[in-house]
Amino acid sequence: MKQQQGLAARLASIEGHVKAIKRMVDDDAYCIDVLKQTYAVERALKRFEAELLRGHLASCVPTGLRDGRRNEILAELGDVFELAQR
């Protein structure tokens, strides 16, 4: 529950930044200023992803292993790591 609240707060912050970027584009803001904001959003998304993965590894993976879904869990993790490398 606490992790979900933290993730929701991160997403709300990211959403606010994206809306601000849209306003900047609509207002024809200086390109470098817009780029700085997009880089900030990218970093915030990376932090969100890291926190989400940390929670998954701490809770969902052990549960899946205990439930006998080892191959499925390993395949999912492999897929996620492959996506992260793209």
PDB file of N, CA and C in Angstrom:
ATOM      1  N   MET A   1       0.829  -1.191   0.000  1.00  0.00           N
ATOM      2  CA  MET A   1       0.000   0.000   0.000  1.00  0.00           C
ATOM      3  C   MET A   1       0.873   1.255   0.000  1.00  0.00           C
ATOM      4  N   LYS A   2       1.874   1.280   0.865  1.00  0.00           N
ATOM      5  CA  LYS A   2       2.760   2.445   0.944  1.00  0.00           C
ATOM      6  C   LYS A   2       3.506   2.644  -0.378  1.00  0.00           C
ATOM      7  N   GLN A   3       3.937   1.528  -0.995  1.00  0.00           N
ATOM      8  CA  GLN A   3       4.632   1.634  -2.274  1.00  0.00           C
ATOM      9  C   GLN A   3       3.689   2.195  -3.336  1.00  0.00           C
ATOM     10  N   GLN A   4       2.441   1.755  -3.341  1.00  0.00           N
ATOM     11  CA  GLN A   4       1.477   2.249  -4.330  1.00  0.00           C
ATOM     12  C   GLN A   4       1.271   3.749  -4.174  1.00  0.00           C
ATOM     13  N   GLN A   5       1.225   4.228  -2.937  1.00  0.00           N
ATOM     14  CA  GLN A   5       1.058   5.664  -2.707  1.00  0.00           C
ATOM     15  C   GLN A   5       2.272   6.429  -3.229  1.00  0.00           C
ATOM     16  N   GLY A   6       3.446   5.885  -2.985  1.00  0.00           N
ATOM     17  CA  GLY A   6       4.657   6.519  -3.483  1.00  0.00           C
ATOM     18  C   GLY A   6       4.708   6.537  -5.000  1.00  0.00           C
ATOM     19  N   LEU A   7       4.316   5.431  -5.613  1.00  0.00           N
ATOM     20  CA  LEU A   7       4.286   5.365  -7.071  1.00  0.00           C
ATOM     21  C   LEU A   7       3.248   6.329  -7.638  1.00  0.00           C
ATOM     22  N   ALA A   8       2.098   6.399  -7.003  1.00  0.00           N
ATOM     23  CA  ALA A   8       1.050   7.316  -7.461  1.00  0.00           C
ATOM     24  C   ALA A   8       1.529   8.762  -7.365  1.00  0.00           C
ATOM     25  N   ALA A   9       2.235   9.082  -6.305  1.00  0.00           N
ATOM     26  CA  ALA A   9       2.758  10.443  -6.145  1.00  0.00           C
ATOM     27  C   ALA A   9       3.788  10.751  -7.227  1.00  0.00           C
ATOM     28  N   ARG A  10       4.642   9.792  -7.525  1.00  0.00           N
ATOM     29  CA  ARG A  10       5.629   9.998  -8.594  1.00  0.00           C
ATOM     30  C   ARG A  10       4.938  10.231  -9.937  1.00  0.00           C
ATOM     31  N   LEU A  11       3.911   9.431 -10.220  1.00  0.00           N
ATOM     32  CA  LEU A  11       3.185   9.593 -11.479  1.00  0.00           C
ATOM     33  C   LEU A  11       2.472  10.938 -11.556  1.00  0.00           C
ATOM     34  N   ALA A  12       1.912  11.384 -10.450  1.00  0.00           N
ATOM     35  CA  ALA A  12       1.251  12.687 -10.436  1.00  0.00           C
ATOM     36  C   ALA A  12       2.258  13.794 -10.733  1.00  0.00           C
ATOM     37  N   SER A  13       3.439  13.664 -10.173  1.00  0.00           N
ATOM     38  CA  SER A  13       4.489  14.649 -10.430  1.00  0.00           C
ATOM     39  C   SER A  13       4.895  14.633 -11.897  1.00  0.00           C
ATOM     40  N   ILE A  14       5.070  13.441 -12.441  1.00  0.00           N
ATOM     41  CA  ILE A  14       5.434  13.303 -13.860  1.00  0.00           C
ATOM     42  C   ILE A  14       4.335  13.894 -14.739  1.00  0.00           C
ATOM     43  N   GLU A  15       3.100  13.598 -14.402  1.00  0.00           N
ATOM     44  CA  GLU A  15       1.974  14.131 -15.161  1.00  0.00           C
ATOM     45  C   GLU A  15       1.982  15.663 -15.156  1.00  0.00           C
ATOM     46  N   GLY A  16       2.260  16.241 -14.006  1.00  0.00           N
ATOM     47  CA  GLY A  16       2.337  17.695 -13.914  1.00  0.00           C
ATOM     48  C   GLY A  16       3.437  18.260 -14.789  1.00  0.00           C
ATOM     49  N   HIS A  17       4.581  17.581 -14.800  1.00  0.00           N
ATOM     50  CA  HIS A  17       5.691  18.030 -15.648  1.00  0.00           C
ATOM     51  C   HIS A  17       5.334  17.933 -17.131  1.00  0.00           C
ATOM     52  N   VAL A  18       4.671  16.850 -17.527  1.00  0.00           N
ATOM     53  CA  VAL A  18       4.295  16.682 -18.931  1.00  0.00           C
ATOM     54  C   VAL A  18       3.295  17.774 -19.342  1.00  0.00           C
ATOM     55  N   LYS A  19       2.350  18.073 -18.472  1.00  0.00           N
ATOM     56  CA  LYS A  19       1.406  19.153 -18.773  1.00  0.00           C
ATOM     57  C   LYS A  19       2.134  20.486 -18.917  1.00  0.00           C
ATOM     58  N   ALA A  20       3.120  20.707 -18.064  1.00  0.00           N
ATOM     59  CA  ALA A  20       3.904  21.945 -18.147  1.00  0.00           C
ATOM     60  C   ALA A  20       4.679  21.999 -19.464  1.00  0.00           C
ATOM     61  N   ILE A  21       5.204  20.866 -19.891  1.00  0.00           N
ATOM     62  CA  ILE A  21       5.925  20.819 -21.173  1.00  0.00           C
ATOM     63  C   ILE A  21       4.970  21.146 -22.316  1.00  0.00           C
ATOM     64  N   LYS A  22       3.760  20.611 -22.268  1.00  0.00           N
ATOM     65  CA  LYS A  22       2.779  20.912 -23.313  1.00  0.00           C
ATOM     66  C   LYS A  22       2.486  22.402 -23.354  1.00  0.00           C
ATOM     67  N   ARG A  23       2.314  23.003 -22.179  1.00  0.00           N
ATOM     68  CA  ARG A  23       2.072  24.450 -22.140  1.00  0.00           C
ATOM     69  C   ARG A  23       3.251  25.214 -22.732  1.00  0.00           C
ATOM     70  N   MET A  24       4.452  24.758 -22.403  1.00  0.00           N
ATOM     71  CA  MET A  24       5.648  25.411 -22.937  1.00  0.00           C
ATOM     72  C   MET A  24       5.664  25.349 -24.461  1.00  0.00           C
ATOM     73  N   VAL A  25       5.329  24.194 -25.002  1.00  0.00           N
ATOM     74  CA  VAL A  25       5.299  24.040 -26.462  1.00  0.00           C
ATOM     75  C   VAL A  25       4.203  24.926 -27.052  1.00  0.00           C
ATOM     76  N   ASP A  26       3.028  24.902 -26.433  1.00  0.00           N
ATOM     77  CA  ASP A  26       1.928  25.738 -26.910  1.00  0.00           C
ATOM     78  C   ASP A  26       2.291  27.220 -26.883  1.00  0.00           C
ATOM     79  N   ASP A  27       3.081  27.608 -25.888  1.00  0.00           N
ATOM     80  CA  ASP A  27       3.487  29.010 -25.730  1.00  0.00           C
ATOM     81  C   ASP A  27       4.759  29.332 -26.498  1.00  0.00           C
ATOM     82  N   ASP A  28       5.246  28.365 -27.285  1.00  0.00           N
ATOM     83  CA  ASP A  28       6.447  28.555 -28.091  1.00  0.00           C
ATOM     84  C   ASP A  28       7.665  28.923 -27.226  1.00  0.00           C
ATOM     85  N   ALA A  29       7.823  28.182 -26.131  1.00  0.00           N
ATOM     86  CA  ALA A  29       8.947  28.427 -25.223  1.00  0.00           C
ATOM     87  C   ALA A  29      10.269  28.084 -25.909  1.00  0.00           C
ATOM     88  N   TYR A  30      11.310  28.607 -25.363  1.00  0.00           N
ATOM     89  CA  TYR A  30      12.665  28.374 -25.875  1.00  0.00           C
ATOM     90  C   TYR A  30      12.951  26.868 -25.867  1.00  0.00           C
ATOM     91  N   CYS A  31      13.412  26.353 -26.991  1.00  0.00           N
ATOM     92  CA  CYS A  31      13.594  24.903 -27.176  1.00  0.00           C
ATOM     93  C   CYS A  31      14.464  24.271 -26.090  1.00  0.00           C
ATOM     94  N   ILE A  32      15.527  24.921 -25.710  1.00  0.00           N
ATOM     95  CA  ILE A  32      16.425  24.362 -24.695  1.00  0.00           C
ATOM     96  C   ILE A  32      15.704  24.220 -23.363  1.00  0.00           C
ATOM     97  N   ASP A  33      14.862  25.172 -23.028  1.00  0.00           N
ATOM     98  CA  ASP A  33      14.092  25.071 -21.785  1.00  0.00           C
ATOM     99  C   ASP A  33      13.134  23.881 -21.831  1.00  0.00           C
ATOM    100  N   VAL A  34      12.524  23.663 -22.985  1.00  0.00           N
ATOM    101  CA  VAL A  34      11.618  22.511 -23.148  1.00  0.00           C
ATOM    102  C   VAL A  34      12.416  21.213 -23.032  1.00  0.00           C
ATOM    103  N   LEU A  35      13.560  21.166 -23.685  1.00  0.00           N
ATOM    104  CA  LEU A  35      14.395  19.961 -23.611  1.00  0.00           C
ATOM    105  C   LEU A  35      14.822  19.650 -22.182  1.00  0.00           C
ATOM    106  N   LYS A  36      15.174  20.666 -21.432  1.00  0.00           N
ATOM    107  CA  LYS A  36      15.562  20.446 -20.029  1.00  0.00           C
ATOM    108  C   LYS A  36      14.426  19.794 -19.258  1.00  0.00           C
ATOM    109  N   GLN A  37      13.212  20.234 -19.533  1.00  0.00           N
ATOM    110  CA  GLN A  37      12.063  19.653 -18.854  1.00  0.00           C
ATOM    111  C   GLN A  37      11.806  18.218 -19.302  1.00  0.00           C
ATOM    112  N   THR A  38      12.000  17.946 -20.590  1.00  0.00           N
ATOM    113  CA  THR A  38      11.786  16.569 -21.051  1.00  0.00           C
ATOM    114  C   THR A  38      12.821  15.633 -20.443  1.00  0.00           C
ATOM    115  N   TYR A  39      14.048  16.108 -20.290  1.00  0.00           N
ATOM    116  CA  TYR A  39      15.073  15.275 -19.648  1.00  0.00           C
ATOM    117  C   TYR A  39      14.711  15.007 -18.192  1.00  0.00           C
ATOM    118  N   ALA A  40      14.146  16.004 -17.536  1.00  0.00           N
ATOM    119  CA  ALA A  40      13.717  15.812 -16.145  1.00  0.00           C
ATOM    120  C   ALA A  40      12.619  14.755 -16.061  1.00  0.00           C
ATOM    121  N   VAL A  41      11.704  14.765 -17.025  1.00  0.00           N
ATOM    122  CA  VAL A  41      10.635  13.764 -17.046  1.00  0.00           C
ATOM    123  C   VAL A  41      11.214  12.373 -17.291  1.00  0.00           C
ATOM    124  N   GLU A  42      12.181  12.278 -18.212  1.00  0.00           N
ATOM    125  CA  GLU A  42      12.820  10.981 -18.460  1.00  0.00           C
ATOM    126  C   GLU A  42      13.464  10.435 -17.188  1.00  0.00           C
ATOM    127  N   ARG A  43      14.163  11.289 -16.466  1.00  0.00           N
ATOM    128  CA  ARG A  43      14.803  10.835 -15.211  1.00  0.00           C
ATOM    129  C   ARG A  43      13.752  10.419 -14.191  1.00  0.00           C
ATOM    130  N   ALA A  44      12.669  11.174 -14.115  1.00  0.00           N
ATOM    131  CA  ALA A  44      11.594  10.828 -13.179  1.00  0.00           C
ATOM    132  C   ALA A  44      10.958   9.492 -13.550  1.00  0.00           C
ATOM    133  N   LEU A  45      10.781   9.232 -14.829  1.00  0.00           N
ATOM    134  CA  LEU A  45      10.242   7.939 -15.264  1.00  0.00           C
ATOM    135  C   LEU A  45      11.200   6.804 -14.917  1.00  0.00           C
ATOM    136  N   LYS A  46      12.483   7.031 -15.083  1.00  0.00           N
ATOM    137  CA  LYS A  46      13.472   6.006 -14.719  1.00  0.00           C
ATOM    138  C   LYS A  46      13.387   5.694 -13.229  1.00  0.00           C
ATOM    139  N   ARG A  47      13.242   6.741 -12.401  1.00  0.00           N
ATOM    140  CA  ARG A  47      13.112   6.509 -10.953  1.00  0.00           C
ATOM    141  C   ARG A  47      11.829   5.743 -10.645  1.00  0.00           C
ATOM    142  N   PHE A  48      10.741   6.093 -11.351  1.00  0.00           N
ATOM    143  CA  PHE A  48       9.476   5.377 -11.181  1.00  0.00           C
ATOM    144  C   PHE A  48       9.640   3.905 -11.539  1.00  0.00           C
ATOM    145  N   GLU A  49      10.266   3.649 -12.695  1.00  0.00           N
ATOM    146  CA  GLU A  49      10.482   2.270 -13.131  1.00  0.00           C
ATOM    147  C   GLU A  49      11.324   1.490 -12.126  1.00  0.00           C
ATOM    148  N   ALA A  50      12.357   2.123 -11.608  1.00  0.00           N
ATOM    149  CA  ALA A  50      13.223   1.449 -10.641  1.00  0.00           C
ATOM    150  C   ALA A  50      12.450   1.088  -9.375  1.00  0.00           C
ATOM    151  N   GLU A  51      11.636   2.003  -8.911  1.00  0.00           N
ATOM    152  CA  GLU A  51      10.851   1.743  -7.702  1.00  0.00           C
ATOM    153  C   GLU A  51       9.815   0.647  -7.950  1.00  0.00           C
ATOM    154  N   LEU A  52       9.174   0.681  -9.098  1.00  0.00           N
ATOM    155  CA  LEU A  52       8.190  -0.352  -9.441  1.00  0.00           C
ATOM    156  C   LEU A  52       8.861  -1.720  -9.534  1.00  0.00           C
ATOM    157  N   LEU A  53      10.007  -1.784 -10.183  1.00  0.00           N
ATOM    158  CA  LEU A  53      10.721  -3.054 -10.298  1.00  0.00           C
ATOM    159  C   LEU A  53      11.195  -3.538  -8.936  1.00  0.00           C
ATOM    160  N   ARG A  54      11.677  -2.624  -8.107  1.00  0.00           N
ATOM    161  CA  ARG A  54      12.123  -2.996  -6.758  1.00  0.00           C
ATOM    162  C   ARG A  54      10.979  -3.646  -5.988  1.00  0.00           C
ATOM    163  N   GLY A  55       9.805  -3.058  -6.069  1.00  0.00           N
ATOM    164  CA  GLY A  55       8.640  -3.628  -5.391  1.00  0.00           C
ATOM    165  C   GLY A  55       8.252  -4.985  -5.957  1.00  0.00           C
ATOM    166  N   HIS A  56       8.331  -5.101  -7.276  1.00  0.00           N
ATOM    167  CA  HIS A  56       7.999  -6.381  -7.923  1.00  0.00           C
ATOM    168  C   HIS A  56       8.967  -7.473  -7.468  1.00  0.00           C
ATOM    169  N   LEU A  57      10.248  -7.144  -7.439  1.00  0.00           N
ATOM    170  CA  LEU A  57      11.249  -8.128  -7.022  1.00  0.00           C
ATOM    171  C   LEU A  57      11.101  -8.510  -5.554  1.00  0.00           C
ATOM    172  N   ALA A  58      10.629  -7.579  -4.747  1.00  0.00           N
ATOM    173  CA  ALA A  58      10.485  -7.848  -3.315  1.00  0.00           C
ATOM    174  C   ALA A  58       9.205  -8.596  -2.973  1.00  0.00           C
ATOM    175  N   SER A  59       8.166  -8.460  -3.810  1.00  0.00           N
ATOM    176  CA  SER A  59       6.897  -9.083  -3.431  1.00  0.00           C
ATOM    177  C   SER A  59       6.380 -10.084  -4.461  1.00  0.00           C
ATOM    178  N   CYS A  60       6.208  -9.663  -5.679  1.00  0.00           N
ATOM    179  CA  CYS A  60       5.587 -10.539  -6.692  1.00  0.00           C
ATOM    180  C   CYS A  60       6.479 -11.721  -7.060  1.00  0.00           C
ATOM    181  N   VAL A  61       7.769 -11.483  -7.193  1.00  0.00           N
ATOM    182  CA  VAL A  61       8.671 -12.569  -7.591  1.00  0.00           C
ATOM    183  C   VAL A  61       8.720 -13.668  -6.533  1.00  0.00           C
ATOM    184  N   PRO A  62       8.956 -13.330  -5.256  1.00  0.00           N
ATOM    185  CA  PRO A  62       8.960 -14.417  -4.260  1.00  0.00           C
ATOM    186  C   PRO A  62       7.627 -15.163  -4.184  1.00  0.00           C
ATOM    187  N   THR A  63       6.523 -14.439  -4.315  1.00  0.00           N
ATOM    188  CA  THR A  63       5.211 -15.080  -4.285  1.00  0.00           C
ATOM    189  C   THR A  63       5.068 -16.040  -5.469  1.00  0.00           C
ATOM    190  N   GLY A  64       5.463 -15.585  -6.654  1.00  0.00           N
ATOM    191  CA  GLY A  64       5.387 -16.434  -7.835  1.00  0.00           C
ATOM    192  C   GLY A  64       6.249 -17.678  -7.710  1.00  0.00           C
ATOM    193  N   LEU A  65       7.432 -17.514  -7.141  1.00  0.00           N
ATOM    194  CA  LEU A  65       8.316 -18.669  -6.942  1.00  0.00           C
ATOM    195  C   LEU A  65       7.705 -19.665  -5.967  1.00  0.00           C
ATOM    196  N   ARG A  66       7.127 -19.145  -4.873  1.00  0.00           N
ATOM    197  CA  ARG A  66       6.475 -20.028  -3.897  1.00  0.00           C
ATOM    198  C   ARG A  66       5.281 -20.753  -4.503  1.00  0.00           C
ATOM    199  N   ASP A  67       4.609 -20.082  -5.449  1.00  0.00           N
ATOM    200  CA  ASP A  67       3.433 -20.676  -6.096  1.00  0.00           C
ATOM    201  C   ASP A  67       3.800 -21.637  -7.218  1.00  0.00           C
ATOM    202  N   GLY A  68       5.102 -21.874  -7.419  1.00  0.00           N
ATOM    203  CA  GLY A  68       5.536 -22.821  -8.430  1.00  0.00           C
ATOM    204  C   GLY A  68       5.549 -22.271  -9.846  1.00  0.00           C
ATOM    205  N   ARG A  69       5.630 -20.963 -10.000  1.00  0.00           N
ATOM    206  CA  ARG A  69       5.620 -20.339 -11.321  1.00  0.00           C
ATOM    207  C   ARG A  69       7.016 -19.863 -11.724  1.00  0.00           C
ATOM    208  N   ARG A  70       8.030 -20.632 -11.362  1.00  0.00           N
ATOM    209  CA  ARG A  70       9.425 -20.240 -11.578  1.00  0.00           C
ATOM    210  C   ARG A  70       9.705 -19.881 -13.035  1.00  0.00           C
ATOM    211  N   ASN A  71       9.351 -20.749 -13.962  1.00  0.00           N
ATOM    212  CA  ASN A  71       9.643 -20.506 -15.375  1.00  0.00           C
ATOM    213  C   ASN A  71       8.928 -19.252 -15.892  1.00  0.00           C
ATOM    214  N   GLU A  72       7.693 -19.076 -15.489  1.00  0.00           N
ATOM    215  CA  GLU A  72       6.929 -17.893 -15.901  1.00  0.00           C
ATOM    216  C   GLU A  72       7.572 -16.615 -15.358  1.00  0.00           C
ATOM    217  N   ILE A  73       7.963 -16.646 -14.096  1.00  0.00           N
ATOM    218  CA  ILE A  73       8.599 -15.479 -13.461  1.00  0.00           C
ATOM    219  C   ILE A  73       9.913 -15.157 -14.170  1.00  0.00           C
ATOM    220  N   LEU A  74      10.713 -16.162 -14.428  1.00  0.00           N
ATOM    221  CA  LEU A  74      12.001 -15.927 -15.098  1.00  0.00           C
ATOM    222  C   LEU A  74      11.796 -15.387 -16.513  1.00  0.00           C
ATOM    223  N   ALA A  75      10.797 -15.900 -17.213  1.00  0.00           N
ATOM    224  CA  ALA A  75      10.504 -15.400 -18.563  1.00  0.00           C
ATOM    225  C   ALA A  75      10.064 -13.938 -18.513  1.00  0.00           C
ATOM    226  N   GLU A  76       9.215 -13.603 -17.557  1.00  0.00           N
ATOM    227  CA  GLU A  76       8.773 -12.206 -17.403  1.00  0.00           C
ATOM    228  C   GLU A  76       9.951 -11.283 -17.131  1.00  0.00           C
ATOM    229  N   LEU A  77      10.811 -11.692 -16.214  1.00  0.00           N
ATOM    230  CA  LEU A  77      11.980 -10.872 -15.880  1.00  0.00           C
ATOM    231  C   LEU A  77      12.897 -10.718 -17.089  1.00  0.00           C
ATOM    232  N   GLY A  78      13.075 -11.799 -17.835  1.00  0.00           N
ATOM    233  CA  GLY A  78      13.877 -11.723 -19.052  1.00  0.00           C
ATOM    234  C   GLY A  78      13.287 -10.746 -20.050  1.00  0.00           C
ATOM    235  N   ASP A  79      11.964 -10.779 -20.204  1.00  0.00           N
ATOM    236  CA  ASP A  79      11.286  -9.853 -21.115  1.00  0.00           C
ATOM    237  C   ASP A  79      11.487  -8.407 -20.682  1.00  0.00           C
ATOM    238  N   VAL A  80      11.354  -8.170 -19.380  1.00  0.00           N
ATOM    239  CA  VAL A  80      11.508  -6.806 -18.865  1.00  0.00           C
ATOM    240  C   VAL A  80      12.928  -6.306 -19.064  1.00  0.00           C
ATOM    241  N   PHE A  81      13.901  -7.127 -18.783  1.00  0.00           N
ATOM    242  CA  PHE A  81      15.289  -6.702 -18.972  1.00  0.00           C
ATOM    243  C   PHE A  81      15.606  -6.470 -20.450  1.00  0.00           C
ATOM    244  N   GLU A  82      15.011  -7.280 -21.315  1.00  0.00           N
ATOM    245  CA  GLU A  82      15.213  -7.076 -22.761  1.00  0.00           C
ATOM    246  C   GLU A  82      14.607  -5.739 -23.189  1.00  0.00           C
ATOM    247  N   LEU A  83      13.397  -5.442 -22.710  1.00  0.00           N
ATOM    248  CA  LEU A  83      12.778  -4.166 -23.036  1.00  0.00           C
ATOM    249  C   LEU A  83      13.615  -2.990 -22.526  1.00  0.00           C
ATOM    250  N   ALA A  84      14.195  -3.149 -21.358  1.00  0.00           N
ATOM    251  CA  ALA A  84      15.000  -2.073 -20.769  1.00  0.00           C
ATOM    252  C   ALA A  84      16.255  -1.800 -21.576  1.00  0.00           C
ATOM    253  N   GLN A  85      16.719  -2.786 -22.311  1.00  0.00           N
ATOM    254  CA  GLN A  85      17.956  -2.628 -23.099  1.00  0.00           C
ATOM    255  C   GLN A  85      17.712  -1.960 -24.449  1.00  0.00           C
ATOM    256  N   ARG A  86      16.463  -1.826 -24.852  1.00  0.00           N
ATOM    257  CA  ARG A  86      16.152  -1.228 -26.164  1.00  0.00           C
ATOM    258  C   ARG A  86      16.316   0.263 -26.145  1.00  0.00           C
TER     259      ARG A  86
END
